[in-house]
Amino acid sequence: MDFNEGAFIYINKPYGMSSFGALAHIRYLISKKMHVKRVKTGHAGTLDPLATGVLILCTGKATKQIETLQLHDKEYTATLQLGATTPSFDREHTVDMTYPTRHITRELILRVLAGFVGEIQQVPPLFSAVMVDGHRAYKLARKGADVELQAKPVRIDELELTAFDPEKMQISIRVVCGKGTYIRSLARDIGCALGSGAFLTALCRTRLGDVRIEDCQTFDSFPQWLDEALSK
């Protein structure tokens, strides 16, 4: 495998690490193994630090395919805590508001989820990499700036309820969606539609295009995979 000429690497991004951090780690291992200063590397689609799952890395001339790869549909599994919200819509921040949940039933959840399938308007999370007047939204948010993000069209192809725990008021969902969809925003909007609140407690990208999480290397398995790839 010629990483300078161009290659695709499928990584299961670990929890708590940014996509760029995962890229930098893999790039370091490749560059060190090849005895070069730095191998040109990019990634196709950012994952939040608190998310895990499929991260496609492209090296060399394969980086020209990044924009095309980002257009592919994606599949996620997520767990939502109902009855509360956080500023980031996930566990990066602590709960800031709580809401009633006694009225929430499985039947209501199913009706609400069905309403999100198709083309919808979605406001990105304030704590995101969306650009606002040349600045990242999350940087402005951390400075306490008053930022209002605009809704944009996104596409939800499938939205399935996979589990509901009425005692903990948690639901698990499977989502198939198009480019630019924020699952954190979807969690927020599901909570609102339920007449309550919601935030993500877990998120995993299980597929990007034809690449599934089963096809991905972990940080632990990557060194051996790299040795085998360079020996071919």
C-alpha atoms as a PDB file:
ATOM      1  CA  MET A   1       0.000   0.000   0.000  1.00  0.00           C
ATOM      2  CA  ASP A   2       1.412   3.363  -1.078  1.00  0.00           C
ATOM      3  CA  PHE A   3       0.268   6.021   1.386  1.00  0.00           C
ATOM      4  CA  ASN A   4       1.978   8.823  -0.532  1.00  0.00           C
ATOM      5  CA  GLU A   5       0.263   7.841  -3.768  1.00  0.00           C
ATOM      6  CA  GLY A   6      -3.069   7.592  -1.970  1.00  0.00           C
ATOM      7  CA  ALA A   7      -4.903   5.260   0.387  1.00  0.00           C
ATOM      8  CA  PHE A   8      -8.092   5.052   2.446  1.00  0.00           C
ATOM      9  CA  ILE A   9      -7.888   4.134   6.117  1.00  0.00           C
ATOM     10  CA  TYR A  10     -10.963   3.219   8.160  1.00  0.00           C
ATOM     11  CA  ILE A  11     -10.694   4.053  11.868  1.00  0.00           C
ATOM     12  CA  ASN A  12     -13.115   3.505  14.744  1.00  0.00           C
ATOM     13  CA  LYS A  13     -12.589   6.868  16.446  1.00  0.00           C
ATOM     14  CA  PRO A  14     -12.276   6.487  20.220  1.00  0.00           C
ATOM     15  CA  TYR A  15     -14.427   8.324  22.745  1.00  0.00           C
ATOM     16  CA  GLY A  16     -13.137  11.653  24.010  1.00  0.00           C
ATOM     17  CA  MET A  17     -10.871  12.437  21.053  1.00  0.00           C
ATOM     18  CA  SER A  18     -11.458  14.951  18.273  1.00  0.00           C
ATOM     19  CA  SER A  19     -11.437  13.818  14.650  1.00  0.00           C
ATOM     20  CA  PHE A  20      -8.299  15.869  14.068  1.00  0.00           C
ATOM     21  CA  GLY A  21      -6.671  14.280  17.111  1.00  0.00           C
ATOM     22  CA  ALA A  22      -7.400  10.816  15.710  1.00  0.00           C
ATOM     23  CA  LEU A  23      -6.045  11.876  12.322  1.00  0.00           C
ATOM     24  CA  ALA A  24      -2.863  13.290  13.881  1.00  0.00           C
ATOM     25  CA  HIS A  25      -2.228  10.068  15.825  1.00  0.00           C
ATOM     26  CA  ILE A  26      -2.634   7.833  12.760  1.00  0.00           C
ATOM     27  CA  ARG A  27      -0.585  10.196  10.577  1.00  0.00           C
ATOM     28  CA  TYR A  28       2.217  10.127  13.154  1.00  0.00           C
ATOM     29  CA  LEU A  29       2.284   6.313  13.169  1.00  0.00           C
ATOM     30  CA  ILE A  30       2.335   6.113   9.368  1.00  0.00           C
ATOM     31  CA  SER A  31       4.996   8.806   8.980  1.00  0.00           C
ATOM     32  CA  LYS A  32       7.197   7.195  11.634  1.00  0.00           C
ATOM     33  CA  LYS A  33       6.868   3.772  10.038  1.00  0.00           C
ATOM     34  CA  MET A  34       7.703   5.177   6.600  1.00  0.00           C
ATOM     35  CA  HIS A  35      10.605   7.288   7.971  1.00  0.00           C
ATOM     36  CA  VAL A  36       9.200  10.513   6.512  1.00  0.00           C
ATOM     37  CA  LYS A  37       8.401  13.845   8.137  1.00  0.00           C
ATOM     38  CA  ARG A  38       4.676  13.858   7.379  1.00  0.00           C
ATOM     39  CA  VAL A  39       2.296  11.971   5.099  1.00  0.00           C
ATOM     40  CA  LYS A  40      -0.459  14.156   3.645  1.00  0.00           C
ATOM     41  CA  THR A  41      -3.655  13.097   5.418  1.00  0.00           C
ATOM     42  CA  GLY A  42      -7.251  14.330   5.695  1.00  0.00           C
ATOM     43  CA  HIS A  43     -10.539  13.000   7.058  1.00  0.00           C
ATOM     44  CA  ALA A  44     -13.967  12.731   5.453  1.00  0.00           C
ATOM     45  CA  GLY A  45     -16.521  13.993   7.952  1.00  0.00           C
ATOM     46  CA  THR A  46     -15.984  15.254  11.489  1.00  0.00           C
ATOM     47  CA  LEU A  47     -17.152  13.303  14.533  1.00  0.00           C
ATOM     48  CA  ASP A  48     -17.740  15.060  17.858  1.00  0.00           C
ATOM     49  CA  PRO A  49     -15.176  14.224  20.565  1.00  0.00           C
ATOM     50  CA  LEU A  50     -17.845  12.389  22.590  1.00  0.00           C
ATOM     51  CA  ALA A  51     -18.865  10.297  19.561  1.00  0.00           C
ATOM     52  CA  THR A  52     -17.246   7.079  18.377  1.00  0.00           C
ATOM     53  CA  GLY A  53     -17.320   5.170  15.128  1.00  0.00           C
ATOM     54  CA  VAL A  54     -16.442   5.318  11.450  1.00  0.00           C
ATOM     55  CA  LEU A  55     -13.830   7.911  10.518  1.00  0.00           C
ATOM     56  CA  ILE A  56     -12.431   7.664   6.984  1.00  0.00           C
ATOM     57  CA  LEU A  57      -8.878   8.970   6.592  1.00  0.00           C
ATOM     58  CA  CYS A  58      -7.443   9.707   3.163  1.00  0.00           C
ATOM     59  CA  THR A  59      -3.741   9.981   2.369  1.00  0.00           C
ATOM     60  CA  GLY A  60      -1.782  11.400  -0.550  1.00  0.00           C
ATOM     61  CA  LYS A  61      -3.788  11.847  -3.752  1.00  0.00           C
ATOM     62  CA  ALA A  62      -6.801  10.147  -2.139  1.00  0.00           C
ATOM     63  CA  THR A  63      -7.446  13.385  -0.217  1.00  0.00           C
ATOM     64  CA  LYS A  64      -9.003  14.672  -3.456  1.00  0.00           C
ATOM     65  CA  GLN A  65     -11.893  12.274  -2.745  1.00  0.00           C
ATOM     66  CA  ILE A  66     -12.808  13.831   0.609  1.00  0.00           C
ATOM     67  CA  GLU A  67     -15.605  16.072  -0.686  1.00  0.00           C
ATOM     68  CA  THR A  68     -17.170  13.153  -2.566  1.00  0.00           C
ATOM     69  CA  LEU A  69     -17.015  10.891   0.497  1.00  0.00           C
ATOM     70  CA  GLN A  70     -18.705  13.558   2.629  1.00  0.00           C
ATOM     71  CA  LEU A  71     -21.742  13.419   0.340  1.00  0.00           C
ATOM     72  CA  HIS A  72     -22.388   9.758   1.179  1.00  0.00           C
ATOM     73  CA  ASP A  73     -25.183   8.888   3.578  1.00  0.00           C
ATOM     74  CA  LYS A  74     -24.367   8.047   7.184  1.00  0.00           C
ATOM     75  CA  GLU A  75     -25.823   5.766   9.823  1.00  0.00           C
ATOM     76  CA  TYR A  76     -25.702   6.422  13.572  1.00  0.00           C
ATOM     77  CA  THR A  77     -26.867   4.786  16.757  1.00  0.00           C
ATOM     78  CA  ALA A  78     -27.619   7.140  19.629  1.00  0.00           C
ATOM     79  CA  THR A  79     -28.965   7.141  23.173  1.00  0.00           C
ATOM     80  CA  LEU A  80     -31.015  10.115  24.378  1.00  0.00           C
ATOM     81  CA  GLN A  81     -31.801  11.138  27.927  1.00  0.00           C
ATOM     82  CA  LEU A  82     -35.288  12.608  28.021  1.00  0.00           C
ATOM     83  CA  GLY A  83     -36.482  15.266  30.448  1.00  0.00           C
ATOM     84  CA  ALA A  84     -33.383  17.468  30.446  1.00  0.00           C
ATOM     85  CA  THR A  85     -31.150  19.558  28.207  1.00  0.00           C
ATOM     86  CA  THR A  86     -27.538  20.723  28.161  1.00  0.00           C
ATOM     87  CA  PRO A  87     -26.058  23.717  26.287  1.00  0.00           C
ATOM     88  CA  SER A  88     -24.180  21.415  23.880  1.00  0.00           C
ATOM     89  CA  PHE A  89     -27.047  18.869  23.543  1.00  0.00           C
ATOM     90  CA  ASP A  90     -24.682  16.133  24.795  1.00  0.00           C
ATOM     91  CA  ARG A  91     -22.628  15.290  27.920  1.00  0.00           C
ATOM     92  CA  GLU A  92     -19.883  17.822  27.202  1.00  0.00           C
ATOM     93  CA  HIS A  93     -21.843  20.241  29.393  1.00  0.00           C
ATOM     94  CA  THR A  94     -23.945  19.649  32.488  1.00  0.00           C
ATOM     95  CA  VAL A  95     -27.745  19.785  32.610  1.00  0.00           C
ATOM     96  CA  ASP A  96     -29.089  23.327  32.503  1.00  0.00           C
ATOM     97  CA  MET A  97     -32.863  22.657  32.399  1.00  0.00           C
ATOM     98  CA  THR A  98     -35.214  19.835  33.366  1.00  0.00           C
ATOM     99  CA  TYR A  99     -38.673  19.094  31.947  1.00  0.00           C
ATOM    100  CA  PRO A 100     -41.690  16.858  32.667  1.00  0.00           C
ATOM    101  CA  THR A 101     -41.684  13.325  31.282  1.00  0.00           C
ATOM    102  CA  ARG A 102     -44.715  11.612  32.848  1.00  0.00           C
ATOM    103  CA  HIS A 103     -46.721  12.129  29.663  1.00  0.00           C
ATOM    104  CA  ILE A 104     -44.144  10.395  27.437  1.00  0.00           C
ATOM    105  CA  THR A 105     -45.162   6.956  26.154  1.00  0.00           C
ATOM    106  CA  ARG A 106     -43.737   4.615  23.545  1.00  0.00           C
ATOM    107  CA  GLU A 107     -46.640   5.479  21.253  1.00  0.00           C
ATOM    108  CA  LEU A 108     -45.905   9.211  21.529  1.00  0.00           C
ATOM    109  CA  ILE A 109     -42.214   8.625  20.815  1.00  0.00           C
ATOM    110  CA  LEU A 110     -43.012   6.617  17.681  1.00  0.00           C
ATOM    111  CA  ARG A 111     -45.355   9.352  16.392  1.00  0.00           C
ATOM    112  CA  VAL A 112     -42.775  12.044  17.047  1.00  0.00           C
ATOM    113  CA  LEU A 113     -39.917  10.156  15.373  1.00  0.00           C
ATOM    114  CA  ALA A 114     -42.014   9.581  12.240  1.00  0.00           C
ATOM    115  CA  GLY A 115     -42.350  13.353  11.880  1.00  0.00           C
ATOM    116  CA  PHE A 116     -38.603  13.798  11.407  1.00  0.00           C
ATOM    117  CA  VAL A 117     -38.230  11.469   8.419  1.00  0.00           C
ATOM    118  CA  GLY A 118     -37.646  13.247   5.117  1.00  0.00           C
ATOM    119  CA  GLU A 119     -36.392  16.753   4.318  1.00  0.00           C
ATOM    120  CA  ILE A 120     -36.400  18.884   7.471  1.00  0.00           C
ATOM    121  CA  GLN A 121     -35.066  22.238   8.620  1.00  0.00           C
ATOM    122  CA  GLN A 122     -32.429  21.951  11.353  1.00  0.00           C
ATOM    123  CA  VAL A 123     -30.560  24.567  13.384  1.00  0.00           C
ATOM    124  CA  PRO A 124     -26.960  23.413  14.055  1.00  0.00           C
ATOM    125  CA  PRO A 125     -25.733  23.239  17.669  1.00  0.00           C
ATOM    126  CA  LEU A 126     -24.153  26.413  18.984  1.00  0.00           C
ATOM    127  CA  PHE A 127     -21.230  24.296  20.184  1.00  0.00           C
ATOM    128  CA  SER A 128     -20.240  23.151  16.681  1.00  0.00           C
ATOM    129  CA  ALA A 129     -17.694  23.932  13.977  1.00  0.00           C
ATOM    130  CA  VAL A 130     -20.199  25.948  11.918  1.00  0.00           C
ATOM    131  CA  MET A 131     -18.633  29.163  10.615  1.00  0.00           C
ATOM    132  CA  VAL A 132     -20.136  32.477  11.765  1.00  0.00           C
ATOM    133  CA  ASP A 133     -18.572  35.616  10.260  1.00  0.00           C
ATOM    134  CA  GLY A 134     -15.283  33.769   9.822  1.00  0.00           C
ATOM    135  CA  HIS A 135     -15.264  32.249  13.315  1.00  0.00           C
ATOM    136  CA  ARG A 136     -16.183  28.786  14.595  1.00  0.00           C
ATOM    137  CA  ALA A 137     -19.492  28.851  16.468  1.00  0.00           C
ATOM    138  CA  TYR A 138     -18.134  26.861  19.414  1.00  0.00           C
ATOM    139  CA  LYS A 139     -15.317  29.372  19.937  1.00  0.00           C
ATOM    140  CA  LEU A 140     -17.793  32.250  20.013  1.00  0.00           C
ATOM    141  CA  ALA A 141     -20.056  30.285  22.373  1.00  0.00           C
ATOM    142  CA  ARG A 142     -17.212  29.614  24.810  1.00  0.00           C
ATOM    143  CA  LYS A 143     -16.499  33.356  24.877  1.00  0.00           C
ATOM    144  CA  GLY A 144     -20.115  34.014  25.786  1.00  0.00           C
ATOM    145  CA  ALA A 145     -20.945  35.729  22.490  1.00  0.00           C
ATOM    146  CA  ASP A 146     -24.602  36.051  21.501  1.00  0.00           C
ATOM    147  CA  VAL A 147     -24.760  33.932  18.342  1.00  0.00           C
ATOM    148  CA  GLU A 148     -27.873  32.976  16.387  1.00  0.00           C
ATOM    149  CA  LEU A 149     -27.458  30.154  13.882  1.00  0.00           C
ATOM    150  CA  GLN A 150     -29.775  29.781  10.909  1.00  0.00           C
ATOM    151  CA  ALA A 151     -31.749  26.664  10.085  1.00  0.00           C
ATOM    152  CA  LYS A 152     -30.661  24.679   7.061  1.00  0.00           C
ATOM    153  CA  PRO A 153     -32.257  21.802   5.126  1.00  0.00           C
ATOM    154  CA  VAL A 154     -31.079  18.288   5.996  1.00  0.00           C
ATOM    155  CA  ARG A 155     -32.349  14.834   5.080  1.00  0.00           C
ATOM    156  CA  ILE A 156     -33.349  11.998   7.418  1.00  0.00           C
ATOM    157  CA  ASP A 157     -33.855   8.760   5.476  1.00  0.00           C
ATOM    158  CA  GLU A 158     -34.570   6.425   8.394  1.00  0.00           C
ATOM    159  CA  LEU A 159     -35.278   7.016  12.089  1.00  0.00           C
ATOM    160  CA  GLU A 160     -35.919   3.893  14.141  1.00  0.00           C
ATOM    161  CA  LEU A 161     -36.655   3.497  17.838  1.00  0.00           C
ATOM    162  CA  THR A 162     -34.520   0.574  19.016  1.00  0.00           C
ATOM    163  CA  ALA A 163     -35.123   0.798  22.780  1.00  0.00           C
ATOM    164  CA  PHE A 164     -37.184   2.711  25.353  1.00  0.00           C
ATOM    165  CA  ASP A 165     -36.558   2.599  29.104  1.00  0.00           C
ATOM    166  CA  PRO A 166     -39.563   4.307  30.790  1.00  0.00           C
ATOM    167  CA  GLU A 167     -37.923   4.201  34.230  1.00  0.00           C
ATOM    168  CA  LYS A 168     -34.711   5.956  33.202  1.00  0.00           C
ATOM    169  CA  MET A 169     -36.571   7.905  30.478  1.00  0.00           C
ATOM    170  CA  GLN A 170     -33.949   6.998  27.906  1.00  0.00           C
ATOM    171  CA  ILE A 171     -34.439   6.043  24.272  1.00  0.00           C
ATOM    172  CA  SER A 172     -32.068   4.508  21.737  1.00  0.00           C
ATOM    173  CA  ILE A 173     -32.428   5.278  18.047  1.00  0.00           C
ATOM    174  CA  ARG A 174     -30.897   4.350  14.706  1.00  0.00           C
ATOM    175  CA  VAL A 175     -30.580   7.178  12.183  1.00  0.00           C
ATOM    176  CA  VAL A 176     -29.725   7.131   8.480  1.00  0.00           C
ATOM    177  CA  CYS A 177     -29.171  10.644   7.210  1.00  0.00           C
ATOM    178  CA  GLY A 178     -27.538  12.868   4.606  1.00  0.00           C
ATOM    179  CA  LYS A 179     -24.669  15.341   4.718  1.00  0.00           C
ATOM    180  CA  GLY A 180     -24.730  18.105   7.319  1.00  0.00           C
ATOM    181  CA  THR A 181     -27.148  16.455   9.763  1.00  0.00           C
ATOM    182  CA  TYR A 182     -26.345  16.997  13.447  1.00  0.00           C
ATOM    183  CA  ILE A 183     -27.573  14.165  15.651  1.00  0.00           C
ATOM    184  CA  ARG A 184     -27.192  16.459  18.683  1.00  0.00           C
ATOM    185  CA  SER A 185     -29.650  18.891  17.090  1.00  0.00           C
ATOM    186  CA  LEU A 186     -31.946  15.995  16.248  1.00  0.00           C
ATOM    187  CA  ALA A 187     -31.902  14.984  19.928  1.00  0.00           C
ATOM    188  CA  ARG A 188     -32.796  18.549  20.942  1.00  0.00           C
ATOM    189  CA  ASP A 189     -35.637  18.696  18.442  1.00  0.00           C
ATOM    190  CA  ILE A 190     -37.007  15.270  19.436  1.00  0.00           C
ATOM    191  CA  GLY A 191     -37.110  16.452  23.052  1.00  0.00           C
ATOM    192  CA  CYS A 192     -39.021  19.594  22.068  1.00  0.00           C
ATOM    193  CA  ALA A 193     -41.468  17.622  19.929  1.00  0.00           C
ATOM    194  CA  LEU A 194     -42.127  15.333  22.908  1.00  0.00           C
ATOM    195  CA  GLY A 195     -43.071  18.362  25.001  1.00  0.00           C
ATOM    196  CA  SER A 196     -39.974  17.828  27.116  1.00  0.00           C
ATOM    197  CA  GLY A 197     -36.213  18.014  26.618  1.00  0.00           C
ATOM    198  CA  ALA A 198     -33.473  15.635  25.476  1.00  0.00           C
ATOM    199  CA  PHE A 199     -29.724  15.364  25.073  1.00  0.00           C
ATOM    200  CA  LEU A 200     -27.303  12.723  23.792  1.00  0.00           C
ATOM    201  CA  THR A 201     -25.628  10.378  26.233  1.00  0.00           C
ATOM    202  CA  ALA A 202     -24.016   8.201  23.533  1.00  0.00           C
ATOM    203  CA  LEU A 203     -23.405   8.476  19.790  1.00  0.00           C
ATOM    204  CA  CYS A 204     -21.717   6.122  17.332  1.00  0.00           C
ATOM    205  CA  ARG A 205     -21.378   6.455  13.560  1.00  0.00           C
ATOM    206  CA  THR A 206     -21.867   2.889  12.403  1.00  0.00           C
ATOM    207  CA  ARG A 207     -21.613   3.518   8.660  1.00  0.00           C
ATOM    208  CA  LEU A 208     -20.368   6.129   6.183  1.00  0.00           C
ATOM    209  CA  GLY A 209     -21.297   5.206   2.622  1.00  0.00           C
ATOM    210  CA  ASP A 210     -20.307   1.557   2.162  1.00  0.00           C
ATOM    211  CA  VAL A 211     -17.843   1.584   5.077  1.00  0.00           C
ATOM    212  CA  ARG A 212     -19.200  -0.051   8.225  1.00  0.00           C
ATOM    213  CA  ILE A 213     -17.795   0.004  11.733  1.00  0.00           C
ATOM    214  CA  GLU A 214     -16.886  -3.672  11.318  1.00  0.00           C
ATOM    215  CA  ASP A 215     -14.462  -2.595   8.578  1.00  0.00           C
ATOM    216  CA  CYS A 216     -12.611  -0.176  10.874  1.00  0.00           C
ATOM    217  CA  GLN A 217      -9.376  -0.488  12.807  1.00  0.00           C
ATOM    218  CA  THR A 218      -9.106   0.565  16.438  1.00  0.00           C
ATOM    219  CA  PHE A 219      -6.065   2.403  17.782  1.00  0.00           C
ATOM    220  CA  ASP A 220      -4.951  -0.910  19.304  1.00  0.00           C
ATOM    221  CA  SER A 221      -5.275  -2.920  16.090  1.00  0.00           C
ATOM    222  CA  PHE A 222      -3.928  -0.252  13.732  1.00  0.00           C
ATOM    223  CA  PRO A 223      -0.158  -0.857  14.229  1.00  0.00           C
ATOM    224  CA  GLN A 224      -0.477  -4.497  13.145  1.00  0.00           C
ATOM    225  CA  TRP A 225      -2.720  -3.491  10.229  1.00  0.00           C
ATOM    226  CA  LEU A 226      -0.122  -0.899   9.210  1.00  0.00           C
ATOM    227  CA  ASP A 227       2.700  -3.456   9.267  1.00  0.00           C
ATOM    228  CA  GLU A 228       0.664  -5.790   7.054  1.00  0.00           C
ATOM    229  CA  ALA A 229      -0.345  -2.959   4.678  1.00  0.00           C
ATOM    230  CA  LEU A 230       3.255  -1.842   4.171  1.00  0.00           C
ATOM    231  CA  SER A 231       4.452  -5.395   3.565  1.00  0.00           C
ATOM    232  CA  LYS A 232       2.067  -5.957   0.655  1.00  0.00           C
END
